[in-house]
PDBML (XML) file of the C-alpha atoms, coordinates in Angstrom:
<?xml version="1.0" encoding="UTF-8" ?>
<PDBx:datablock datablockName="MODEL"
   xmlns:PDBx="http://pdbml.pdb.org/schema/pdbx-v50.xsd"
   xmlns:xsi="http://www.w3.org/2001/XMLSchema-instance"
   xsi:schemaLocation="http://pdbml.pdb.org/schema/pdbx-v50.xsd pdbx-v50.xsd">
   <PDBx:atom_siteCategory>
      <PDBx:atom_site id="1">
         <PDBx:B_iso_or_equiv>0.00</PDBx:B_iso_or_equiv>
         <PDBx:Cartn_x>103.349</PDBx:Cartn_x>
         <PDBx:Cartn_y>105.391</PDBx:Cartn_y>
         <PDBx:Cartn_z>215.245</PDBx:Cartn_z>
         <PDBx:auth_asym_id>A</PDBx:auth_asym_id>
         <PDBx:auth_atom_id>CA</PDBx:auth_atom_id>
         <PDBx:auth_comp_id>UNK</PDBx:auth_comp_id>
         <PDBx:auth_seq_id>1</PDBx:auth_seq_id>
         <PDBx:group_PDB>ATOM</PDBx:group_PDB>
         <PDBx:label_alt_id xsi:nil="true" />
         <PDBx:label_asym_id>A</PDBx:label_asym_id>
         <PDBx:label_atom_id>CA</PDBx:label_atom_id>
         <PDBx:label_comp_id>UNK</PDBx:label_comp_id>
         <PDBx:label_entity_id>1</PDBx:label_entity_id>
         <PDBx:label_seq_id>1</PDBx:label_seq_id>
         <PDBx:occupancy>1.00</PDBx:occupancy>
         <PDBx:pdbx_PDB_model_num>1</PDBx:pdbx_PDB_model_num>
         <PDBx:type_symbol>C</PDBx:type_symbol>
      </PDBx:atom_site>
      <PDBx:atom_site id="2">
         <PDBx:B_iso_or_equiv>0.00</PDBx:B_iso_or_equiv>
         <PDBx:Cartn_x>102.072</PDBx:Cartn_x>
         <PDBx:Cartn_y>107.742</PDBx:Cartn_y>
         <PDBx:Cartn_z>212.610</PDBx:Cartn_z>
         <PDBx:auth_asym_id>A</PDBx:auth_asym_id>
         <PDBx:auth_atom_id>CA</PDBx:auth_atom_id>
         <PDBx:auth_comp_id>UNK</PDBx:auth_comp_id>
         <PDBx:auth_seq_id>2</PDBx:auth_seq_id>
         <PDBx:group_PDB>ATOM</PDBx:group_PDB>
         <PDBx:label_alt_id xsi:nil="true" />
         <PDBx:label_asym_id>A</PDBx:label_asym_id>
         <PDBx:label_atom_id>CA</PDBx:label_atom_id>
         <PDBx:label_comp_id>UNK</PDBx:label_comp_id>
         <PDBx:label_entity_id>1</PDBx:label_entity_id>
         <PDBx:label_seq_id>2</PDBx:label_seq_id>
         <PDBx:occupancy>1.00</PDBx:occupancy>
         <PDBx:pdbx_PDB_model_num>1</PDBx:pdbx_PDB_model_num>
         <PDBx:type_symbol>C</PDBx:type_symbol>
      </PDBx:atom_site>
      <PDBx:atom_site id="3">
         <PDBx:B_iso_or_equiv>0.00</PDBx:B_iso_or_equiv>
         <PDBx:Cartn_x>101.374</PDBx:Cartn_x>
         <PDBx:Cartn_y>110.656</PDBx:Cartn_y>
         <PDBx:Cartn_z>215.094</PDBx:Cartn_z>
         <PDBx:auth_asym_id>A</PDBx:auth_asym_id>
         <PDBx:auth_atom_id>CA</PDBx:auth_atom_id>
         <PDBx:auth_comp_id>UNK</PDBx:auth_comp_id>
         <PDBx:auth_seq_id>3</PDBx:auth_seq_id>
         <PDBx:group_PDB>ATOM</PDBx:group_PDB>
         <PDBx:label_alt_id xsi:nil="true" />
         <PDBx:label_asym_id>A</PDBx:label_asym_id>
         <PDBx:label_atom_id>CA</PDBx:label_atom_id>
         <PDBx:label_comp_id>UNK</PDBx:label_comp_id>
         <PDBx:label_entity_id>1</PDBx:label_entity_id>
         <PDBx:label_seq_id>3</PDBx:label_seq_id>
         <PDBx:occupancy>1.00</PDBx:occupancy>
         <PDBx:pdbx_PDB_model_num>1</PDBx:pdbx_PDB_model_num>
         <PDBx:type_symbol>C</PDBx:type_symbol>
      </PDBx:atom_site>
      <PDBx:atom_site id="4">
         <PDBx:B_iso_or_equiv>0.00</PDBx:B_iso_or_equiv>
         <PDBx:Cartn_x>105.042</PDBx:Cartn_x>
         <PDBx:Cartn_y>110.518</PDBx:Cartn_y>
         <PDBx:Cartn_z>217.109</PDBx:Cartn_z>
         <PDBx:auth_asym_id>A</PDBx:auth_asym_id>
         <PDBx:auth_atom_id>CA</PDBx:auth_atom_id>
         <PDBx:auth_comp_id>UNK</PDBx:auth_comp_id>
         <PDBx:auth_seq_id>4</PDBx:auth_seq_id>
         <PDBx:group_PDB>ATOM</PDBx:group_PDB>
         <PDBx:label_alt_id xsi:nil="true" />
         <PDBx:label_asym_id>A</PDBx:label_asym_id>
         <PDBx:label_atom_id>CA</PDBx:label_atom_id>
         <PDBx:label_comp_id>UNK</PDBx:label_comp_id>
         <PDBx:label_entity_id>1</PDBx:label_entity_id>
         <PDBx:label_seq_id>4</PDBx:label_seq_id>
         <PDBx:occupancy>1.00</PDBx:occupancy>
         <PDBx:pdbx_PDB_model_num>1</PDBx:pdbx_PDB_model_num>
         <PDBx:type_symbol>C</PDBx:type_symbol>
      </PDBx:atom_site>
      <PDBx:atom_site id="5">
         <PDBx:B_iso_or_equiv>0.00</PDBx:B_iso_or_equiv>
         <PDBx:Cartn_x>106.591</PDBx:Cartn_x>
         <PDBx:Cartn_y>110.311</PDBx:Cartn_y>
         <PDBx:Cartn_z>213.981</PDBx:Cartn_z>
         <PDBx:auth_asym_id>A</PDBx:auth_asym_id>
         <PDBx:auth_atom_id>CA</PDBx:auth_atom_id>
         <PDBx:auth_comp_id>UNK</PDBx:auth_comp_id>
         <PDBx:auth_seq_id>5</PDBx:auth_seq_id>
         <PDBx:group_PDB>ATOM</PDBx:group_PDB>
         <PDBx:label_alt_id xsi:nil="true" />
         <PDBx:label_asym_id>A</PDBx:label_asym_id>
         <PDBx:label_atom_id>CA</PDBx:label_atom_id>
         <PDBx:label_comp_id>UNK</PDBx:label_comp_id>
         <PDBx:label_entity_id>1</PDBx:label_entity_id>
         <PDBx:label_seq_id>5</PDBx:label_seq_id>
         <PDBx:occupancy>1.00</PDBx:occupancy>
         <PDBx:pdbx_PDB_model_num>1</PDBx:pdbx_PDB_model_num>
         <PDBx:type_symbol>C</PDBx:type_symbol>
      </PDBx:atom_site>
      <PDBx:atom_site id="6">
         <PDBx:B_iso_or_equiv>0.00</PDBx:B_iso_or_equiv>
         <PDBx:Cartn_x>104.393</PDBx:Cartn_x>
         <PDBx:Cartn_y>113.812</PDBx:Cartn_y>
         <PDBx:Cartn_z>212.969</PDBx:Cartn_z>
         <PDBx:auth_asym_id>A</PDBx:auth_asym_id>
         <PDBx:auth_atom_id>CA</PDBx:auth_atom_id>
         <PDBx:auth_comp_id>UNK</PDBx:auth_comp_id>
         <PDBx:auth_seq_id>6</PDBx:auth_seq_id>
         <PDBx:group_PDB>ATOM</PDBx:group_PDB>
         <PDBx:label_alt_id xsi:nil="true" />
         <PDBx:label_asym_id>A</PDBx:label_asym_id>
         <PDBx:label_atom_id>CA</PDBx:label_atom_id>
         <PDBx:label_comp_id>UNK</PDBx:label_comp_id>
         <PDBx:label_entity_id>1</PDBx:label_entity_id>
         <PDBx:label_seq_id>6</PDBx:label_seq_id>
         <PDBx:occupancy>1.00</PDBx:occupancy>
         <PDBx:pdbx_PDB_model_num>1</PDBx:pdbx_PDB_model_num>
         <PDBx:type_symbol>C</PDBx:type_symbol>
      </PDBx:atom_site>
      <PDBx:atom_site id="7">
         <PDBx:B_iso_or_equiv>0.00</PDBx:B_iso_or_equiv>
         <PDBx:Cartn_x>104.490</PDBx:Cartn_x>
         <PDBx:Cartn_y>115.077</PDBx:Cartn_y>
         <PDBx:Cartn_z>216.310</PDBx:Cartn_z>
         <PDBx:auth_asym_id>A</PDBx:auth_asym_id>
         <PDBx:auth_atom_id>CA</PDBx:auth_atom_id>
         <PDBx:auth_comp_id>UNK</PDBx:auth_comp_id>
         <PDBx:auth_seq_id>7</PDBx:auth_seq_id>
         <PDBx:group_PDB>ATOM</PDBx:group_PDB>
         <PDBx:label_alt_id xsi:nil="true" />
         <PDBx:label_asym_id>A</PDBx:label_asym_id>
         <PDBx:label_atom_id>CA</PDBx:label_atom_id>
         <PDBx:label_comp_id>UNK</PDBx:label_comp_id>
         <PDBx:label_entity_id>1</PDBx:label_entity_id>
         <PDBx:label_seq_id>7</PDBx:label_seq_id>
         <PDBx:occupancy>1.00</PDBx:occupancy>
         <PDBx:pdbx_PDB_model_num>1</PDBx:pdbx_PDB_model_num>
         <PDBx:type_symbol>C</PDBx:type_symbol>
      </PDBx:atom_site>
      <PDBx:atom_site id="8">
         <PDBx:B_iso_or_equiv>0.00</PDBx:B_iso_or_equiv>
         <PDBx:Cartn_x>108.802</PDBx:Cartn_x>
         <PDBx:Cartn_y>114.148</PDBx:Cartn_y>
         <PDBx:Cartn_z>216.412</PDBx:Cartn_z>
         <PDBx:auth_asym_id>A</PDBx:auth_asym_id>
         <PDBx:auth_atom_id>CA</PDBx:auth_atom_id>
         <PDBx:auth_comp_id>UNK</PDBx:auth_comp_id>
         <PDBx:auth_seq_id>8</PDBx:auth_seq_id>
         <PDBx:group_PDB>ATOM</PDBx:group_PDB>
         <PDBx:label_alt_id xsi:nil="true" />
         <PDBx:label_asym_id>A</PDBx:label_asym_id>
         <PDBx:label_atom_id>CA</PDBx:label_atom_id>
         <PDBx:label_comp_id>UNK</PDBx:label_comp_id>
         <PDBx:label_entity_id>1</PDBx:label_entity_id>
         <PDBx:label_seq_id>8</PDBx:label_seq_id>
         <PDBx:occupancy>1.00</PDBx:occupancy>
         <PDBx:pdbx_PDB_model_num>1</PDBx:pdbx_PDB_model_num>
         <PDBx:type_symbol>C</PDBx:type_symbol>
      </PDBx:atom_site>
      <PDBx:atom_site id="9">
         <PDBx:B_iso_or_equiv>0.00</PDBx:B_iso_or_equiv>
         <PDBx:Cartn_x>109.573</PDBx:Cartn_x>
         <PDBx:Cartn_y>115.419</PDBx:Cartn_y>
         <PDBx:Cartn_z>213.731</PDBx:Cartn_z>
         <PDBx:auth_asym_id>A</PDBx:auth_asym_id>
         <PDBx:auth_atom_id>CA</PDBx:auth_atom_id>
         <PDBx:auth_comp_id>UNK</PDBx:auth_comp_id>
         <PDBx:auth_seq_id>9</PDBx:auth_seq_id>
         <PDBx:group_PDB>ATOM</PDBx:group_PDB>
         <PDBx:label_alt_id xsi:nil="true" />
         <PDBx:label_asym_id>A</PDBx:label_asym_id>
         <PDBx:label_atom_id>CA</PDBx:label_atom_id>
         <PDBx:label_comp_id>UNK</PDBx:label_comp_id>
         <PDBx:label_entity_id>1</PDBx:label_entity_id>
         <PDBx:label_seq_id>9</PDBx:label_seq_id>
         <PDBx:occupancy>1.00</PDBx:occupancy>
         <PDBx:pdbx_PDB_model_num>1</PDBx:pdbx_PDB_model_num>
         <PDBx:type_symbol>C</PDBx:type_symbol>
      </PDBx:atom_site>
      <PDBx:atom_site id="10">
         <PDBx:B_iso_or_equiv>0.00</PDBx:B_iso_or_equiv>
         <PDBx:Cartn_x>108.234</PDBx:Cartn_x>
         <PDBx:Cartn_y>118.837</PDBx:Cartn_y>
         <PDBx:Cartn_z>214.660</PDBx:Cartn_z>
         <PDBx:auth_asym_id>A</PDBx:auth_asym_id>
         <PDBx:auth_atom_id>CA</PDBx:auth_atom_id>
         <PDBx:auth_comp_id>UNK</PDBx:auth_comp_id>
         <PDBx:auth_seq_id>10</PDBx:auth_seq_id>
         <PDBx:group_PDB>ATOM</PDBx:group_PDB>
         <PDBx:label_alt_id xsi:nil="true" />
         <PDBx:label_asym_id>A</PDBx:label_asym_id>
         <PDBx:label_atom_id>CA</PDBx:label_atom_id>
         <PDBx:label_comp_id>UNK</PDBx:label_comp_id>
         <PDBx:label_entity_id>1</PDBx:label_entity_id>
         <PDBx:label_seq_id>10</PDBx:label_seq_id>
         <PDBx:occupancy>1.00</PDBx:occupancy>
         <PDBx:pdbx_PDB_model_num>1</PDBx:pdbx_PDB_model_num>
         <PDBx:type_symbol>C</PDBx:type_symbol>
      </PDBx:atom_site>
      <PDBx:atom_site id="11">
         <PDBx:B_iso_or_equiv>0.00</PDBx:B_iso_or_equiv>
         <PDBx:Cartn_x>110.236</PDBx:Cartn_x>
         <PDBx:Cartn_y>119.036</PDBx:Cartn_y>
         <PDBx:Cartn_z>217.696</PDBx:Cartn_z>
         <PDBx:auth_asym_id>A</PDBx:auth_asym_id>
         <PDBx:auth_atom_id>CA</PDBx:auth_atom_id>
         <PDBx:auth_comp_id>UNK</PDBx:auth_comp_id>
         <PDBx:auth_seq_id>11</PDBx:auth_seq_id>
         <PDBx:group_PDB>ATOM</PDBx:group_PDB>
         <PDBx:label_alt_id xsi:nil="true" />
         <PDBx:label_asym_id>A</PDBx:label_asym_id>
         <PDBx:label_atom_id>CA</PDBx:label_atom_id>
         <PDBx:label_comp_id>UNK</PDBx:label_comp_id>
         <PDBx:label_entity_id>1</PDBx:label_entity_id>
         <PDBx:label_seq_id>11</PDBx:label_seq_id>
         <PDBx:occupancy>1.00</PDBx:occupancy>
         <PDBx:pdbx_PDB_model_num>1</PDBx:pdbx_PDB_model_num>
         <PDBx:type_symbol>C</PDBx:type_symbol>
      </PDBx:atom_site>
      <PDBx:atom_site id="12">
         <PDBx:B_iso_or_equiv>0.00</PDBx:B_iso_or_equiv>
         <PDBx:Cartn_x>113.765</PDBx:Cartn_x>
         <PDBx:Cartn_y>118.138</PDBx:Cartn_y>
         <PDBx:Cartn_z>216.248</PDBx:Cartn_z>
         <PDBx:auth_asym_id>A</PDBx:auth_asym_id>
         <PDBx:auth_atom_id>CA</PDBx:auth_atom_id>
         <PDBx:auth_comp_id>UNK</PDBx:auth_comp_id>
         <PDBx:auth_seq_id>12</PDBx:auth_seq_id>
         <PDBx:group_PDB>ATOM</PDBx:group_PDB>
         <PDBx:label_alt_id xsi:nil="true" />
         <PDBx:label_asym_id>A</PDBx:label_asym_id>
         <PDBx:label_atom_id>CA</PDBx:label_atom_id>
         <PDBx:label_comp_id>UNK</PDBx:label_comp_id>
         <PDBx:label_entity_id>1</PDBx:label_entity_id>
         <PDBx:label_seq_id>12</PDBx:label_seq_id>
         <PDBx:occupancy>1.00</PDBx:occupancy>
         <PDBx:pdbx_PDB_model_num>1</PDBx:pdbx_PDB_model_num>
         <PDBx:type_symbol>C</PDBx:type_symbol>
      </PDBx:atom_site>
      <PDBx:atom_site id="13">
         <PDBx:B_iso_or_equiv>0.00</PDBx:B_iso_or_equiv>
         <PDBx:Cartn_x>113.710</PDBx:Cartn_x>
         <PDBx:Cartn_y>120.491</PDBx:Cartn_y>
         <PDBx:Cartn_z>213.066</PDBx:Cartn_z>
         <PDBx:auth_asym_id>A</PDBx:auth_asym_id>
         <PDBx:auth_atom_id>CA</PDBx:auth_atom_id>
         <PDBx:auth_comp_id>UNK</PDBx:auth_comp_id>
         <PDBx:auth_seq_id>13</PDBx:auth_seq_id>
         <PDBx:group_PDB>ATOM</PDBx:group_PDB>
         <PDBx:label_alt_id xsi:nil="true" />
         <PDBx:label_asym_id>A</PDBx:label_asym_id>
         <PDBx:label_atom_id>CA</PDBx:label_atom_id>
         <PDBx:label_comp_id>UNK</PDBx:label_comp_id>
         <PDBx:label_entity_id>1</PDBx:label_entity_id>
         <PDBx:label_seq_id>13</PDBx:label_seq_id>
         <PDBx:occupancy>1.00</PDBx:occupancy>
         <PDBx:pdbx_PDB_model_num>1</PDBx:pdbx_PDB_model_num>
         <PDBx:type_symbol>C</PDBx:type_symbol>
      </PDBx:atom_site>
      <PDBx:atom_site id="14">
         <PDBx:B_iso_or_equiv>0.00</PDBx:B_iso_or_equiv>
         <PDBx:Cartn_x>113.425</PDBx:Cartn_x>
         <PDBx:Cartn_y>122.960</PDBx:Cartn_y>
         <PDBx:Cartn_z>215.668</PDBx:Cartn_z>
         <PDBx:auth_asym_id>A</PDBx:auth_asym_id>
         <PDBx:auth_atom_id>CA</PDBx:auth_atom_id>
         <PDBx:auth_comp_id>UNK</PDBx:auth_comp_id>
         <PDBx:auth_seq_id>14</PDBx:auth_seq_id>
         <PDBx:group_PDB>ATOM</PDBx:group_PDB>
         <PDBx:label_alt_id xsi:nil="true" />
         <PDBx:label_asym_id>A</PDBx:label_asym_id>
         <PDBx:label_atom_id>CA</PDBx:label_atom_id>
         <PDBx:label_comp_id>UNK</PDBx:label_comp_id>
         <PDBx:label_entity_id>1</PDBx:label_entity_id>
         <PDBx:label_seq_id>14</PDBx:label_seq_id>
         <PDBx:occupancy>1.00</PDBx:occupancy>
         <PDBx:pdbx_PDB_model_num>1</PDBx:pdbx_PDB_model_num>
         <PDBx:type_symbol>C</PDBx:type_symbol>
      </PDBx:atom_site>
      <PDBx:atom_site id="15">
         <PDBx:B_iso_or_equiv>0.00</PDBx:B_iso_or_equiv>
         <PDBx:Cartn_x>115.563</PDBx:Cartn_x>
         <PDBx:Cartn_y>121.769</PDBx:Cartn_y>
         <PDBx:Cartn_z>218.290</PDBx:Cartn_z>
         <PDBx:auth_asym_id>A</PDBx:auth_asym_id>
         <PDBx:auth_atom_id>CA</PDBx:auth_atom_id>
         <PDBx:auth_comp_id>UNK</PDBx:auth_comp_id>
         <PDBx:auth_seq_id>15</PDBx:auth_seq_id>
         <PDBx:group_PDB>ATOM</PDBx:group_PDB>
         <PDBx:label_alt_id xsi:nil="true" />
         <PDBx:label_asym_id>A</PDBx:label_asym_id>
         <PDBx:label_atom_id>CA</PDBx:label_atom_id>
         <PDBx:label_comp_id>UNK</PDBx:label_comp_id>
         <PDBx:label_entity_id>1</PDBx:label_entity_id>
         <PDBx:label_seq_id>15</PDBx:label_seq_id>
         <PDBx:occupancy>1.00</PDBx:occupancy>
         <PDBx:pdbx_PDB_model_num>1</PDBx:pdbx_PDB_model_num>
         <PDBx:type_symbol>C</PDBx:type_symbol>
      </PDBx:atom_site>
      <PDBx:atom_site id="16">
         <PDBx:B_iso_or_equiv>0.00</PDBx:B_iso_or_equiv>
         <PDBx:Cartn_x>118.235</PDBx:Cartn_x>
         <PDBx:Cartn_y>121.380</PDBx:Cartn_y>
         <PDBx:Cartn_z>215.203</PDBx:Cartn_z>
         <PDBx:auth_asym_id>A</PDBx:auth_asym_id>
         <PDBx:auth_atom_id>CA</PDBx:auth_atom_id>
         <PDBx:auth_comp_id>UNK</PDBx:auth_comp_id>
         <PDBx:auth_seq_id>16</PDBx:auth_seq_id>
         <PDBx:group_PDB>ATOM</PDBx:group_PDB>
         <PDBx:label_alt_id xsi:nil="true" />
         <PDBx:label_asym_id>A</PDBx:label_asym_id>
         <PDBx:label_atom_id>CA</PDBx:label_atom_id>
         <PDBx:label_comp_id>UNK</PDBx:label_comp_id>
         <PDBx:label_entity_id>1</PDBx:label_entity_id>
         <PDBx:label_seq_id>16</PDBx:label_seq_id>
         <PDBx:occupancy>1.00</PDBx:occupancy>
         <PDBx:pdbx_PDB_model_num>1</PDBx:pdbx_PDB_model_num>
         <PDBx:type_symbol>C</PDBx:type_symbol>
      </PDBx:atom_site>
      <PDBx:atom_site id="17">
         <PDBx:B_iso_or_equiv>0.00</PDBx:B_iso_or_equiv>
         <PDBx:Cartn_x>117.674</PDBx:Cartn_x>
         <PDBx:Cartn_y>124.882</PDBx:Cartn_y>
         <PDBx:Cartn_z>214.261</PDBx:Cartn_z>
         <PDBx:auth_asym_id>A</PDBx:auth_asym_id>
         <PDBx:auth_atom_id>CA</PDBx:auth_atom_id>
         <PDBx:auth_comp_id>UNK</PDBx:auth_comp_id>
         <PDBx:auth_seq_id>17</PDBx:auth_seq_id>
         <PDBx:group_PDB>ATOM</PDBx:group_PDB>
         <PDBx:label_alt_id xsi:nil="true" />
         <PDBx:label_asym_id>A</PDBx:label_asym_id>
         <PDBx:label_atom_id>CA</PDBx:label_atom_id>
         <PDBx:label_comp_id>UNK</PDBx:label_comp_id>
         <PDBx:label_entity_id>1</PDBx:label_entity_id>
         <PDBx:label_seq_id>17</PDBx:label_seq_id>
         <PDBx:occupancy>1.00</PDBx:occupancy>
         <PDBx:pdbx_PDB_model_num>1</PDBx:pdbx_PDB_model_num>
         <PDBx:type_symbol>C</PDBx:type_symbol>
      </PDBx:atom_site>
      <PDBx:atom_site id="18">
         <PDBx:B_iso_or_equiv>0.00</PDBx:B_iso_or_equiv>
         <PDBx:Cartn_x>118.317</PDBx:Cartn_x>
         <PDBx:Cartn_y>126.072</PDBx:Cartn_y>
         <PDBx:Cartn_z>217.749</PDBx:Cartn_z>
         <PDBx:auth_asym_id>A</PDBx:auth_asym_id>
         <PDBx:auth_atom_id>CA</PDBx:auth_atom_id>
         <PDBx:auth_comp_id>UNK</PDBx:auth_comp_id>
         <PDBx:auth_seq_id>18</PDBx:auth_seq_id>
         <PDBx:group_PDB>ATOM</PDBx:group_PDB>
         <PDBx:label_alt_id xsi:nil="true" />
         <PDBx:label_asym_id>A</PDBx:label_asym_id>
         <PDBx:label_atom_id>CA</PDBx:label_atom_id>
         <PDBx:label_comp_id>UNK</PDBx:label_comp_id>
         <PDBx:label_entity_id>1</PDBx:label_entity_id>
         <PDBx:label_seq_id>18</PDBx:label_seq_id>
         <PDBx:occupancy>1.00</PDBx:occupancy>
         <PDBx:pdbx_PDB_model_num>1</PDBx:pdbx_PDB_model_num>
         <PDBx:type_symbol>C</PDBx:type_symbol>
      </PDBx:atom_site>
      <PDBx:atom_site id="19">
         <PDBx:B_iso_or_equiv>0.00</PDBx:B_iso_or_equiv>
         <PDBx:Cartn_x>121.376</PDBx:Cartn_x>
         <PDBx:Cartn_y>123.991</PDBx:Cartn_y>
         <PDBx:Cartn_z>217.953</PDBx:Cartn_z>
         <PDBx:auth_asym_id>A</PDBx:auth_asym_id>
         <PDBx:auth_atom_id>CA</PDBx:auth_atom_id>
         <PDBx:auth_comp_id>UNK</PDBx:auth_comp_id>
         <PDBx:auth_seq_id>19</PDBx:auth_seq_id>
         <PDBx:group_PDB>ATOM</PDBx:group_PDB>
         <PDBx:label_alt_id xsi:nil="true" />
         <PDBx:label_asym_id>A</PDBx:label_asym_id>
         <PDBx:label_atom_id>CA</PDBx:label_atom_id>
         <PDBx:label_comp_id>UNK</PDBx:label_comp_id>
         <PDBx:label_entity_id>1</PDBx:label_entity_id>
         <PDBx:label_seq_id>19</PDBx:label_seq_id>
         <PDBx:occupancy>1.00</PDBx:occupancy>
         <PDBx:pdbx_PDB_model_num>1</PDBx:pdbx_PDB_model_num>
         <PDBx:type_symbol>C</PDBx:type_symbol>
      </PDBx:atom_site>
      <PDBx:atom_site id="20">
         <PDBx:B_iso_or_equiv>0.00</PDBx:B_iso_or_equiv>
         <PDBx:Cartn_x>122.884</PDBx:Cartn_x>
         <PDBx:Cartn_y>126.977</PDBx:Cartn_y>
         <PDBx:Cartn_z>215.286</PDBx:Cartn_z>
         <PDBx:auth_asym_id>A</PDBx:auth_asym_id>
         <PDBx:auth_atom_id>CA</PDBx:auth_atom_id>
         <PDBx:auth_comp_id>UNK</PDBx:auth_comp_id>
         <PDBx:auth_seq_id>20</PDBx:auth_seq_id>
         <PDBx:group_PDB>ATOM</PDBx:group_PDB>
         <PDBx:label_alt_id xsi:nil="true" />
         <PDBx:label_asym_id>A</PDBx:label_asym_id>
         <PDBx:label_atom_id>CA</PDBx:label_atom_id>
         <PDBx:label_comp_id>UNK</PDBx:label_comp_id>
         <PDBx:label_entity_id>1</PDBx:label_entity_id>
         <PDBx:label_seq_id>20</PDBx:label_seq_id>
         <PDBx:occupancy>1.00</PDBx:occupancy>
         <PDBx:pdbx_PDB_model_num>1</PDBx:pdbx_PDB_model_num>
         <PDBx:type_symbol>C</PDBx:type_symbol>
      </PDBx:atom_site>
      <PDBx:atom_site id="21">
         <PDBx:B_iso_or_equiv>0.00</PDBx:B_iso_or_equiv>
         <PDBx:Cartn_x>126.039</PDBx:Cartn_x>
         <PDBx:Cartn_y>129.098</PDBx:Cartn_y>
         <PDBx:Cartn_z>216.241</PDBx:Cartn_z>
         <PDBx:auth_asym_id>A</PDBx:auth_asym_id>
         <PDBx:auth_atom_id>CA</PDBx:auth_atom_id>
         <PDBx:auth_comp_id>UNK</PDBx:auth_comp_id>
         <PDBx:auth_seq_id>21</PDBx:auth_seq_id>
         <PDBx:group_PDB>ATOM</PDBx:group_PDB>
         <PDBx:label_alt_id xsi:nil="true" />
         <PDBx:label_asym_id>A</PDBx:label_asym_id>
         <PDBx:label_atom_id>CA</PDBx:label_atom_id>
         <PDBx:label_comp_id>UNK</PDBx:label_comp_id>
         <PDBx:label_entity_id>1</PDBx:label_entity_id>
         <PDBx:label_seq_id>21</PDBx:label_seq_id>
         <PDBx:occupancy>1.00</PDBx:occupancy>
         <PDBx:pdbx_PDB_model_num>1</PDBx:pdbx_PDB_model_num>
         <PDBx:type_symbol>C</PDBx:type_symbol>
      </PDBx:atom_site>
      <PDBx:atom_site id="22">
         <PDBx:B_iso_or_equiv>0.00</PDBx:B_iso_or_equiv>
         <PDBx:Cartn_x>123.524</PDBx:Cartn_x>
         <PDBx:Cartn_y>132.221</PDBx:Cartn_y>
         <PDBx:Cartn_z>215.418</PDBx:Cartn_z>
         <PDBx:auth_asym_id>A</PDBx:auth_asym_id>
         <PDBx:auth_atom_id>CA</PDBx:auth_atom_id>
         <PDBx:auth_comp_id>UNK</PDBx:auth_comp_id>
         <PDBx:auth_seq_id>22</PDBx:auth_seq_id>
         <PDBx:group_PDB>ATOM</PDBx:group_PDB>
         <PDBx:label_alt_id xsi:nil="true" />
         <PDBx:label_asym_id>A</PDBx:label_asym_id>
         <PDBx:label_atom_id>CA</PDBx:label_atom_id>
         <PDBx:label_comp_id>UNK</PDBx:label_comp_id>
         <PDBx:label_entity_id>1</PDBx:label_entity_id>
         <PDBx:label_seq_id>22</PDBx:label_seq_id>
         <PDBx:occupancy>1.00</PDBx:occupancy>
         <PDBx:pdbx_PDB_model_num>1</PDBx:pdbx_PDB_model_num>
         <PDBx:type_symbol>C</PDBx:type_symbol>
      </PDBx:atom_site>
      <PDBx:atom_site id="23">
         <PDBx:B_iso_or_equiv>0.00</PDBx:B_iso_or_equiv>
         <PDBx:Cartn_x>121.010</PDBx:Cartn_x>
         <PDBx:Cartn_y>131.870</PDBx:Cartn_y>
         <PDBx:Cartn_z>217.180</PDBx:Cartn_z>
         <PDBx:auth_asym_id>A</PDBx:auth_asym_id>
         <PDBx:auth_atom_id>CA</PDBx:auth_atom_id>
         <PDBx:auth_comp_id>UNK</PDBx:auth_comp_id>
         <PDBx:auth_seq_id>23</PDBx:auth_seq_id>
         <PDBx:group_PDB>ATOM</PDBx:group_PDB>
         <PDBx:label_alt_id xsi:nil="true" />
         <PDBx:label_asym_id>A</PDBx:label_asym_id>
         <PDBx:label_atom_id>CA</PDBx:label_atom_id>
         <PDBx:label_comp_id>UNK</PDBx:label_comp_id>
         <PDBx:label_entity_id>1</PDBx:label_entity_id>
         <PDBx:label_seq_id>23</PDBx:label_seq_id>
         <PDBx:occupancy>1.00</PDBx:occupancy>
         <PDBx:pdbx_PDB_model_num>1</PDBx:pdbx_PDB_model_num>
         <PDBx:type_symbol>C</PDBx:type_symbol>
      </PDBx:atom_site>
      <PDBx:atom_site id="24">
         <PDBx:B_iso_or_equiv>0.00</PDBx:B_iso_or_equiv>
         <PDBx:Cartn_x>119.380</PDBx:Cartn_x>
         <PDBx:Cartn_y>134.688</PDBx:Cartn_y>
         <PDBx:Cartn_z>219.680</PDBx:Cartn_z>
         <PDBx:auth_asym_id>A</PDBx:auth_asym_id>
         <PDBx:auth_atom_id>CA</PDBx:auth_atom_id>
         <PDBx:auth_comp_id>UNK</PDBx:auth_comp_id>
         <PDBx:auth_seq_id>24</PDBx:auth_seq_id>
         <PDBx:group_PDB>ATOM</PDBx:group_PDB>
         <PDBx:label_alt_id xsi:nil="true" />
         <PDBx:label_asym_id>A</PDBx:label_asym_id>
         <PDBx:label_atom_id>CA</PDBx:label_atom_id>
         <PDBx:label_comp_id>UNK</PDBx:label_comp_id>
         <PDBx:label_entity_id>1</PDBx:label_entity_id>
         <PDBx:label_seq_id>24</PDBx:label_seq_id>
         <PDBx:occupancy>1.00</PDBx:occupancy>
         <PDBx:pdbx_PDB_model_num>1</PDBx:pdbx_PDB_model_num>
         <PDBx:type_symbol>C</PDBx:type_symbol>
      </PDBx:atom_site>
      <PDBx:atom_site id="25">
         <PDBx:B_iso_or_equiv>0.00</PDBx:B_iso_or_equiv>
         <PDBx:Cartn_x>116.501</PDBx:Cartn_x>
         <PDBx:Cartn_y>134.478</PDBx:Cartn_y>
         <PDBx:Cartn_z>221.853</PDBx:Cartn_z>
         <PDBx:auth_asym_id>A</PDBx:auth_asym_id>
         <PDBx:auth_atom_id>CA</PDBx:auth_atom_id>
         <PDBx:auth_comp_id>UNK</PDBx:auth_comp_id>
         <PDBx:auth_seq_id>25</PDBx:auth_seq_id>
         <PDBx:group_PDB>ATOM</PDBx:group_PDB>
         <PDBx:label_alt_id xsi:nil="true" />
         <PDBx:label_asym_id>A</PDBx:label_asym_id>
         <PDBx:label_atom_id>CA</PDBx:label_atom_id>
         <PDBx:label_comp_id>UNK</PDBx:label_comp_id>
         <PDBx:label_entity_id>1</PDBx:label_entity_id>
         <PDBx:label_seq_id>25</PDBx:label_seq_id>
         <PDBx:occupancy>1.00</PDBx:occupancy>
         <PDBx:pdbx_PDB_model_num>1</PDBx:pdbx_PDB_model_num>
         <PDBx:type_symbol>C</PDBx:type_symbol>
      </PDBx:atom_site>
   </PDBx:atom_siteCategory>
</PDBx:datablock>
């Protein structure tokens, strides 16, 4: 649980950033 929460939180933060309108490659 501790490992997956840390890993998935990092992934979810980046996924949220990439969903912004002005995000480019």
